[in-house]
Amino acid sequence: MRGAPNGSRGGCAPHGFTLIELLVVIAIIGILASLSMVVIARVRQQGRVTEARRQIQALVNAINEYHSDTGTFPISGGVRTIALASNS
């Protein structure tokens, strides 16, 4: 009785991948994709926070420049304000 060379079945090397191998690769790709989406979402949120801080700082600088030029702060434009300096 002759055995197959190198322990393979049928005497020839297997061609292609098994279903299990393909499912494992697809699962790994899915895990990597989900992890990268989490990282991308976090980076986008940090970008939004950074942009908001930059815009707030630009507004503060503009108000301070207005105060330097006129000696007063701009009026509220009809928005009701509360005086916090004193309660009398």
PDB file of N, CA and C in Angstrom:
ATOM      1  N   MET A   1       0.838  -1.168   0.000  1.00  0.00           N
ATOM      2  CA  MET A   1       0.000   0.000   0.000  1.00  0.00           C
ATOM      3  C   MET A   1       0.882   1.230   0.000  1.00  0.00           C
ATOM      4  N   ARG A   2       0.595   2.072  -0.921  1.00  0.00           N
ATOM      5  CA  ARG A   2       1.423   3.261  -1.030  1.00  0.00           C
ATOM      6  C   ARG A   2       0.722   4.419  -0.346  1.00  0.00           C
ATOM      7  N   GLY A   3       1.483   5.193   0.439  1.00  0.00           N
ATOM      8  CA  GLY A   3       0.937   6.381   1.101  1.00  0.00           C
ATOM      9  C   GLY A   3       1.110   7.607   0.223  1.00  0.00           C
ATOM     10  N   ALA A   4       0.352   8.598   0.515  1.00  0.00           N
ATOM     11  CA  ALA A   4       0.454   9.863  -0.226  1.00  0.00           C
ATOM     12  C   ALA A   4       1.727  10.574   0.188  1.00  0.00           C
ATOM     13  N   PRO A   5       2.391  11.256  -0.736  1.00  0.00           N
ATOM     14  CA  PRO A   5       3.628  11.969  -0.401  1.00  0.00           C
ATOM     15  C   PRO A   5       3.357  13.105   0.592  1.00  0.00           C
ATOM     16  N   ASN A   6       4.254  13.274   1.540  1.00  0.00           N
ATOM     17  CA  ASN A   6       4.208  14.342   2.534  1.00  0.00           C
ATOM     18  C   ASN A   6       2.930  14.331   3.371  1.00  0.00           C
ATOM     19  N   GLY A   7       2.256  13.225   3.485  1.00  0.00           N
ATOM     20  CA  GLY A   7       1.083  13.121   4.331  1.00  0.00           C
ATOM     21  C   GLY A   7      -0.158  13.795   3.786  1.00  0.00           C
ATOM     22  N   SER A   8      -0.162  14.302   2.574  1.00  0.00           N
ATOM     23  CA  SER A   8      -1.353  14.953   2.030  1.00  0.00           C
ATOM     24  C   SER A   8      -2.299  13.906   1.484  1.00  0.00           C
ATOM     25  N   ARG A   9      -3.551  14.245   1.411  1.00  0.00           N
ATOM     26  CA  ARG A   9      -4.566  13.315   0.913  1.00  0.00           C
ATOM     27  C   ARG A   9      -4.570  13.322  -0.615  1.00  0.00           C
ATOM     28  N   GLY A  10      -4.744  12.194  -1.164  1.00  0.00           N
ATOM     29  CA  GLY A  10      -4.916  12.076  -2.596  1.00  0.00           C
ATOM     30  C   GLY A  10      -3.663  12.314  -3.414  1.00  0.00           C
ATOM     31  N   GLY A  11      -2.562  12.597  -2.801  1.00  0.00           N
ATOM     32  CA  GLY A  11      -1.333  12.736  -3.534  1.00  0.00           C
ATOM     33  C   GLY A  11      -1.101  14.100  -4.164  1.00  0.00           C
ATOM     34  N   CYS A  12      -2.001  15.063  -3.958  1.00  0.00           N
ATOM     35  CA  CYS A  12      -1.758  16.395  -4.528  1.00  0.00           C
ATOM     36  C   CYS A  12      -1.965  17.451  -3.447  1.00  0.00           C
ATOM     37  N   ALA A  13      -1.316  18.567  -3.606  1.00  0.00           N
ATOM     38  CA  ALA A  13      -1.416  19.655  -2.632  1.00  0.00           C
ATOM     39  C   ALA A  13      -2.809  20.289  -2.701  1.00  0.00           C
ATOM     40  N   PRO A  14      -3.357  20.727  -1.550  1.00  0.00           N
ATOM     41  CA  PRO A  14      -4.688  21.340  -1.558  1.00  0.00           C
ATOM     42  C   PRO A  14      -4.664  22.698  -2.257  1.00  0.00           C
ATOM     43  N   HIS A  15      -5.755  23.020  -2.936  1.00  0.00           N
ATOM     44  CA  HIS A  15      -5.872  24.292  -3.640  1.00  0.00           C
ATOM     45  C   HIS A  15      -6.922  25.139  -2.951  1.00  0.00           C
ATOM     46  N   GLY A  16      -6.641  26.441  -2.724  1.00  0.00           N
ATOM     47  CA  GLY A  16      -7.618  27.347  -2.143  1.00  0.00           C
ATOM     48  C   GLY A  16      -7.642  27.277  -0.626  1.00  0.00           C
ATOM     49  N   PHE A  17      -8.645  27.918  -0.053  1.00  0.00           N
ATOM     50  CA  PHE A  17      -8.791  28.010   1.394  1.00  0.00           C
ATOM     51  C   PHE A  17     -10.053  27.289   1.824  1.00  0.00           C
ATOM     52  N   THR A  18     -10.054  26.850   3.060  1.00  0.00           N
ATOM     53  CA  THR A  18     -11.255  26.220   3.592  1.00  0.00           C
ATOM     54  C   THR A  18     -12.227  27.302   4.061  1.00  0.00           C
ATOM     55  N   LEU A  19     -13.456  26.905   4.295  1.00  0.00           N
ATOM     56  CA  LEU A  19     -14.477  27.845   4.753  1.00  0.00           C
ATOM     57  C   LEU A  19     -14.104  28.418   6.111  1.00  0.00           C
ATOM     58  N   ILE A  20     -13.568  27.634   6.988  1.00  0.00           N
ATOM     59  CA  ILE A  20     -13.168  28.105   8.322  1.00  0.00           C
ATOM     60  C   ILE A  20     -12.086  29.170   8.211  1.00  0.00           C
ATOM     61  N   GLU A  21     -11.108  28.946   7.358  1.00  0.00           N
ATOM     62  CA  GLU A  21     -10.036  29.938   7.180  1.00  0.00           C
ATOM     63  C   GLU A  21     -10.601  31.264   6.668  1.00  0.00           C
ATOM     64  N   LEU A  22     -11.510  31.201   5.723  1.00  0.00           N
ATOM     65  CA  LEU A  22     -12.118  32.422   5.198  1.00  0.00           C
ATOM     66  C   LEU A  22     -12.937  33.145   6.264  1.00  0.00           C
ATOM     67  N   LEU A  23     -13.686  32.396   7.068  1.00  0.00           N
ATOM     68  CA  LEU A  23     -14.485  33.015   8.133  1.00  0.00           C
ATOM     69  C   LEU A  23     -13.594  33.665   9.190  1.00  0.00           C
ATOM     70  N   VAL A  24     -12.487  33.043   9.509  1.00  0.00           N
ATOM     71  CA  VAL A  24     -11.550  33.631  10.483  1.00  0.00           C
ATOM     72  C   VAL A  24     -10.971  34.932   9.941  1.00  0.00           C
ATOM     73  N   VAL A  25     -10.587  34.941   8.696  1.00  0.00           N
ATOM     74  CA  VAL A  25     -10.039  36.164   8.091  1.00  0.00           C
ATOM     75  C   VAL A  25     -11.096  37.268   8.056  1.00  0.00           C
ATOM     76  N   ILE A  26     -12.326  36.925   7.694  1.00  0.00           N
ATOM     77  CA  ILE A  26     -13.397  37.932   7.662  1.00  0.00           C
ATOM     78  C   ILE A  26     -13.665  38.464   9.060  1.00  0.00           C
ATOM     79  N   ALA A  27     -13.631  37.600  10.071  1.00  0.00           N
ATOM     80  CA  ALA A  27     -13.837  38.043  11.455  1.00  0.00           C
ATOM     81  C   ALA A  27     -12.723  38.996  11.895  1.00  0.00           C
ATOM     82  N   ILE A  28     -11.498  38.674  11.553  1.00  0.00           N
ATOM     83  CA  ILE A  28     -10.372  39.545  11.920  1.00  0.00           C
ATOM     84  C   ILE A  28     -10.506  40.905  11.235  1.00  0.00           C
ATOM     85  N   ILE A  29     -10.869  40.902   9.978  1.00  0.00           N
ATOM     86  CA  ILE A  29     -11.049  42.170   9.256  1.00  0.00           C
ATOM     87  C   ILE A  29     -12.176  42.978   9.891  1.00  0.00           C
ATOM     88  N   GLY A  30     -13.266  42.314  10.281  1.00  0.00           N
ATOM     89  CA  GLY A  30     -14.369  43.007  10.942  1.00  0.00           C
ATOM     90  C   GLY A  30     -13.962  43.629  12.259  1.00  0.00           C
ATOM     91  N   ILE A  31     -13.190  42.909  13.051  1.00  0.00           N
ATOM     92  CA  ILE A  31     -12.714  43.442  14.339  1.00  0.00           C
ATOM     93  C   ILE A  31     -11.814  44.639  14.117  1.00  0.00           C
ATOM     94  N   LEU A  32     -10.890  44.545  13.179  1.00  0.00           N
ATOM     95  CA  LEU A  32      -9.997  45.670  12.897  1.00  0.00           C
ATOM     96  C   LEU A  32     -10.769  46.886  12.385  1.00  0.00           C
ATOM     97  N   ALA A  33     -11.778  46.654  11.556  1.00  0.00           N
ATOM     98  CA  ALA A  33     -12.576  47.759  11.036  1.00  0.00           C
ATOM     99  C   ALA A  33     -13.356  48.446  12.152  1.00  0.00           C
ATOM    100  N   SER A  34     -13.926  47.664  13.059  1.00  0.00           N
ATOM    101  CA  SER A  34     -14.687  48.281  14.153  1.00  0.00           C
ATOM    102  C   SER A  34     -13.773  49.065  15.086  1.00  0.00           C
ATOM    103  N   LEU A  35     -12.591  48.552  15.359  1.00  0.00           N
ATOM    104  CA  LEU A  35     -11.644  49.288  16.198  1.00  0.00           C
ATOM    105  C   LEU A  35     -11.208  50.595  15.541  1.00  0.00           C
ATOM    106  N   SER A  36     -10.977  50.553  14.248  1.00  0.00           N
ATOM    107  CA  SER A  36     -10.563  51.776  13.564  1.00  0.00           C
ATOM    108  C   SER A  36     -11.693  52.797  13.527  1.00  0.00           C
ATOM    109  N   MET A  37     -12.940  52.352  13.432  1.00  0.00           N
ATOM    110  CA  MET A  37     -14.066  53.290  13.439  1.00  0.00           C
ATOM    111  C   MET A  37     -14.173  53.995  14.790  1.00  0.00           C
ATOM    112  N   VAL A  38     -13.914  53.282  15.879  1.00  0.00           N
ATOM    113  CA  VAL A  38     -13.941  53.888  17.208  1.00  0.00           C
ATOM    114  C   VAL A  38     -12.861  54.963  17.311  1.00  0.00           C
ATOM    115  N   VAL A  39     -11.681  54.658  16.830  1.00  0.00           N
ATOM    116  CA  VAL A  39     -10.576  55.623  16.879  1.00  0.00           C
ATOM    117  C   VAL A  39     -10.894  56.839  16.013  1.00  0.00           C
ATOM    118  N   ILE A  40     -11.447  56.618  14.835  1.00  0.00           N
ATOM    119  CA  ILE A  40     -11.789  57.732  13.946  1.00  0.00           C
ATOM    120  C   ILE A  40     -12.848  58.621  14.576  1.00  0.00           C
ATOM    121  N   ALA A  41     -13.846  58.021  15.211  1.00  0.00           N
ATOM    122  CA  ALA A  41     -14.891  58.814  15.873  1.00  0.00           C
ATOM    123  C   ALA A  41     -14.310  59.657  17.002  1.00  0.00           C
ATOM    124  N   ARG A  42     -13.392  59.083  17.763  1.00  0.00           N
ATOM    125  CA  ARG A  42     -12.767  59.819  18.865  1.00  0.00           C
ATOM    126  C   ARG A  42     -11.935  60.994  18.341  1.00  0.00           C
ATOM    127  N   VAL A  43     -11.202  60.778  17.273  1.00  0.00           N
ATOM    128  CA  VAL A  43     -10.378  61.842  16.691  1.00  0.00           C
ATOM    129  C   VAL A  43     -11.270  62.962  16.143  1.00  0.00           C
ATOM    130  N   ARG A  44     -12.376  62.604  15.496  1.00  0.00           N
ATOM    131  CA  ARG A  44     -13.294  63.622  14.971  1.00  0.00           C
ATOM    132  C   ARG A  44     -13.888  64.452  16.100  1.00  0.00           C
ATOM    133  N   GLN A  45     -14.256  63.804  17.223  1.00  0.00           N
ATOM    134  CA  GLN A  45     -14.806  64.535  18.367  1.00  0.00           C
ATOM    135  C   GLN A  45     -13.758  65.487  18.944  1.00  0.00           C
ATOM    136  N   GLN A  46     -12.536  65.042  19.064  1.00  0.00           N
ATOM    137  CA  GLN A  46     -11.472  65.916  19.559  1.00  0.00           C
ATOM    138  C   GLN A  46     -11.259  67.094  18.623  1.00  0.00           C
ATOM    139  N   GLY A  47     -11.390  66.867  17.326  1.00  0.00           N
ATOM    140  CA  GLY A  47     -11.277  67.956  16.358  1.00  0.00           C
ATOM    141  C   GLY A  47     -12.391  68.977  16.527  1.00  0.00           C
ATOM    142  N   ARG A  48     -13.624  68.497  16.793  1.00  0.00           N
ATOM    143  CA  ARG A  48     -14.733  69.428  17.013  1.00  0.00           C
ATOM    144  C   ARG A  48     -14.509  70.263  18.271  1.00  0.00           C
ATOM    145  N   VAL A  49     -14.024  69.634  19.330  1.00  0.00           N
ATOM    146  CA  VAL A  49     -13.760  70.362  20.575  1.00  0.00           C
ATOM    147  C   VAL A  49     -12.667  71.399  20.358  1.00  0.00           C
ATOM    148  N   THR A  50     -11.623  71.029  19.658  1.00  0.00           N
ATOM    149  CA  THR A  50     -10.527  71.960  19.387  1.00  0.00           C
ATOM    150  C   THR A  50     -11.017  73.146  18.560  1.00  0.00           C
ATOM    151  N   GLU A  51     -11.845  72.883  17.552  1.00  0.00           N
ATOM    152  CA  GLU A  51     -12.379  73.964  16.720  1.00  0.00           C
ATOM    153  C   GLU A  51     -13.286  74.886  17.536  1.00  0.00           C
ATOM    154  N   ALA A  52     -14.107  74.334  18.417  1.00  0.00           N
ATOM    155  CA  ALA A  52     -14.979  75.157  19.258  1.00  0.00           C
ATOM    156  C   ALA A  52     -14.152  76.041  20.191  1.00  0.00           C
ATOM    157  N   ARG A  53     -13.114  75.476  20.777  1.00  0.00           N
ATOM    158  CA  ARG A  53     -12.241  76.280  21.657  1.00  0.00           C
ATOM    159  C   ARG A  53     -11.564  77.401  20.880  1.00  0.00           C
ATOM    160  N   ARG A  54     -11.135  77.105  19.649  1.00  0.00           N
ATOM    161  CA  ARG A  54     -10.493  78.128  18.831  1.00  0.00           C
ATOM    162  C   ARG A  54     -11.464  79.253  18.508  1.00  0.00           C
ATOM    163  N   GLN A  55     -12.710  78.904  18.189  1.00  0.00           N
ATOM    164  CA  GLN A  55     -13.707  79.930  17.884  1.00  0.00           C
ATOM    165  C   GLN A  55     -14.060  80.763  19.110  1.00  0.00           C
ATOM    166  N   ILE A  56     -14.142  80.113  20.272  1.00  0.00           N
ATOM    167  CA  ILE A  56     -14.419  80.858  21.509  1.00  0.00           C
ATOM    168  C   ILE A  56     -13.277  81.816  21.808  1.00  0.00           C
ATOM    169  N   GLN A  57     -12.054  81.365  21.653  1.00  0.00           N
ATOM    170  CA  GLN A  57     -10.908  82.237  21.914  1.00  0.00           C
ATOM    171  C   GLN A  57     -10.878  83.407  20.933  1.00  0.00           C
ATOM    172  N   ALA A  58     -11.250  83.177  19.674  1.00  0.00           N
ATOM    173  CA  ALA A  58     -11.302  84.265  18.697  1.00  0.00           C
ATOM    174  C   ALA A  58     -12.369  85.287  19.098  1.00  0.00           C
ATOM    175  N   LEU A  59     -13.501  84.809  19.610  1.00  0.00           N
ATOM    176  CA  LEU A  59     -14.557  85.716  20.068  1.00  0.00           C
ATOM    177  C   LEU A  59     -14.107  86.522  21.279  1.00  0.00           C
ATOM    178  N   VAL A  60     -13.434  85.885  22.212  1.00  0.00           N
ATOM    179  CA  VAL A  60     -12.913  86.592  23.389  1.00  0.00           C
ATOM    180  C   VAL A  60     -11.910  87.651  22.952  1.00  0.00           C
ATOM    181  N   ASN A  61     -11.032  87.299  22.026  1.00  0.00           N
ATOM    182  CA  ASN A  61     -10.049  88.277  21.542  1.00  0.00           C
ATOM    183  C   ASN A  61     -10.733  89.463  20.859  1.00  0.00           C
ATOM    184  N   ALA A  62     -11.782  89.189  20.072  1.00  0.00           N
ATOM    185  CA  ALA A  62     -12.493  90.269  19.390  1.00  0.00           C
ATOM    186  C   ALA A  62     -13.192  91.186  20.395  1.00  0.00           C
ATOM    187  N   ILE A  63     -13.797  90.608  21.433  1.00  0.00           N
ATOM    188  CA  ILE A  63     -14.463  91.422  22.459  1.00  0.00           C
ATOM    189  C   ILE A  63     -13.442  92.252  23.220  1.00  0.00           C
ATOM    190  N   ASN A  64     -12.313  91.672  23.554  1.00  0.00           N
ATOM    191  CA  ASN A  64     -11.272  92.425  24.266  1.00  0.00           C
ATOM    192  C   ASN A  64     -10.699  93.544  23.388  1.00  0.00           C
ATOM    193  N   GLU A  65     -10.557  93.295  22.107  1.00  0.00           N
ATOM    194  CA  GLU A  65     -10.079  94.337  21.198  1.00  0.00           C
ATOM    195  C   GLU A  65     -11.107  95.476  21.101  1.00  0.00           C
ATOM    196  N   TYR A  66     -12.380  95.124  21.050  1.00  0.00           N
ATOM    197  CA  TYR A  66     -13.448  96.133  21.042  1.00  0.00           C
ATOM    198  C   TYR A  66     -13.370  96.970  22.315  1.00  0.00           C
ATOM    199  N   HIS A  67     -13.171  96.312  23.450  1.00  0.00           N
ATOM    200  CA  HIS A  67     -13.054  97.027  24.726  1.00  0.00           C
ATOM    201  C   HIS A  67     -11.840  97.943  24.733  1.00  0.00           C
ATOM    202  N   SER A  68     -10.728  97.491  24.152  1.00  0.00           N
ATOM    203  CA  SER A  68      -9.524  98.323  24.085  1.00  0.00           C
ATOM    204  C   SER A  68      -9.759  99.560  23.215  1.00  0.00           C
ATOM    205  N   ASP A  69     -10.515  99.415  22.133  1.00  0.00           N
ATOM    206  CA  ASP A  69     -10.762 100.528  21.218  1.00  0.00           C
ATOM    207  C   ASP A  69     -11.775 101.517  21.772  1.00  0.00           C
ATOM    208  N   THR A  70     -12.838 101.034  22.410  1.00  0.00           N
ATOM    209  CA  THR A  70     -13.939 101.921  22.808  1.00  0.00           C
ATOM    210  C   THR A  70     -14.013 102.186  24.297  1.00  0.00           C
ATOM    211  N   GLY A  71     -13.373 101.388  25.113  1.00  0.00           N
ATOM    212  CA  GLY A  71     -13.437 101.555  26.561  1.00  0.00           C
ATOM    213  C   GLY A  71     -14.671 100.906  27.174  1.00  0.00           C
ATOM    214  N   THR A  72     -15.523 100.323  26.379  1.00  0.00           N
ATOM    215  CA  THR A  72     -16.709  99.623  26.884  1.00  0.00           C
ATOM    216  C   THR A  72     -16.827  98.280  26.163  1.00  0.00           C
ATOM    217  N   PHE A  73     -17.604  97.425  26.769  1.00  0.00           N
ATOM    218  CA  PHE A  73     -17.886  96.152  26.114  1.00  0.00           C
ATOM    219  C   PHE A  73     -19.108  96.329  25.223  1.00  0.00           C
ATOM    220  N   PRO A  74     -19.236  95.525  24.191  1.00  0.00           N
ATOM    221  CA  PRO A  74     -20.389  95.667  23.309  1.00  0.00           C
ATOM    222  C   PRO A  74     -21.692  95.379  24.060  1.00  0.00           C
ATOM    223  N   ILE A  75     -22.770  96.039  23.614  1.00  0.00           N
ATOM    224  CA  ILE A  75     -24.057  95.802  24.258  1.00  0.00           C
ATOM    225  C   ILE A  75     -24.588  94.436  23.836  1.00  0.00           C
ATOM    226  N   SER A  76     -25.584  93.965  24.567  1.00  0.00           N
ATOM    227  CA  SER A  76     -26.052  92.600  24.347  1.00  0.00           C
ATOM    228  C   SER A  76     -26.963  92.470  23.140  1.00  0.00           C
ATOM    229  N   GLY A  77     -27.431  93.555  22.571  1.00  0.00           N
ATOM    230  CA  GLY A  77     -28.297  93.473  21.405  1.00  0.00           C
ATOM    231  C   GLY A  77     -29.704  93.062  21.753  1.00  0.00           C
ATOM    232  N   GLY A  78     -30.166  93.448  22.925  1.00  0.00           N
ATOM    233  CA  GLY A  78     -31.531  93.147  23.320  1.00  0.00           C
ATOM    234  C   GLY A  78     -31.670  91.920  24.184  1.00  0.00           C
ATOM    235  N   VAL A  79     -30.595  91.176  24.370  1.00  0.00           N
ATOM    236  CA  VAL A  79     -30.675  90.017  25.244  1.00  0.00           C
ATOM    237  C   VAL A  79     -30.621  90.490  26.685  1.00  0.00           C
ATOM    238  N   ARG A  80     -31.526  90.010  27.481  1.00  0.00           N
ATOM    239  CA  ARG A  80     -31.602  90.430  28.883  1.00  0.00           C
ATOM    240  C   ARG A  80     -30.396  89.883  29.631  1.00  0.00           C
ATOM    241  N   THR A  81     -29.705  90.761  30.355  1.00  0.00           N
ATOM    242  CA  THR A  81     -28.515  90.361  31.097  1.00  0.00           C
ATOM    243  C   THR A  81     -28.745  90.540  32.581  1.00  0.00           C
ATOM    244  N   ILE A  82     -27.985  89.842  33.377  1.00  0.00           N
ATOM    245  CA  ILE A  82     -28.072  89.920  34.830  1.00  0.00           C
ATOM    246  C   ILE A  82     -26.782  90.533  35.333  1.00  0.00           C
ATOM    247  N   ALA A  83     -26.923  91.606  36.151  1.00  0.00           N
ATOM    248  CA  ALA A  83     -25.740  92.232  36.736  1.00  0.00           C
ATOM    249  C   ALA A  83     -25.260  91.378  37.902  1.00  0.00           C
ATOM    250  N   LEU A  84     -24.017  90.957  37.848  1.00  0.00           N
ATOM    251  CA  LEU A  84     -23.464  90.110  38.884  1.00  0.00           C
ATOM    252  C   LEU A  84     -22.576  90.886  39.839  1.00  0.00           C
ATOM    253  N   ALA A  85     -22.296  92.160  39.550  1.00  0.00           N
ATOM    254  CA  ALA A  85     -21.355  92.935  40.355  1.00  0.00           C
ATOM    255  C   ALA A  85     -21.888  93.199  41.752  1.00  0.00           C
ATOM    256  N   SER A  86     -23.142  93.595  41.864  1.00  0.00           N
ATOM    257  CA  SER A  86     -23.707  93.878  43.190  1.00  0.00           C
ATOM    258  C   SER A  86     -25.198  93.566  43.177  1.00  0.00           C
ATOM    259  N   ASN A  87     -25.731  93.347  44.331  1.00  0.00           N
ATOM    260  CA  ASN A  87     -27.145  93.026  44.454  1.00  0.00           C
ATOM    261  C   ASN A  87     -27.959  94.223  44.941  1.00  0.00           C
ATOM    262  N   SER A  88     -27.385  95.411  45.029  1.00  0.00           N
ATOM    263  CA  SER A  88     -28.118  96.562  45.536  1.00  0.00           C
ATOM    264  C   SER A  88     -28.764  97.387  44.480  1.00  0.00           C
TER     265      SER A  88
END
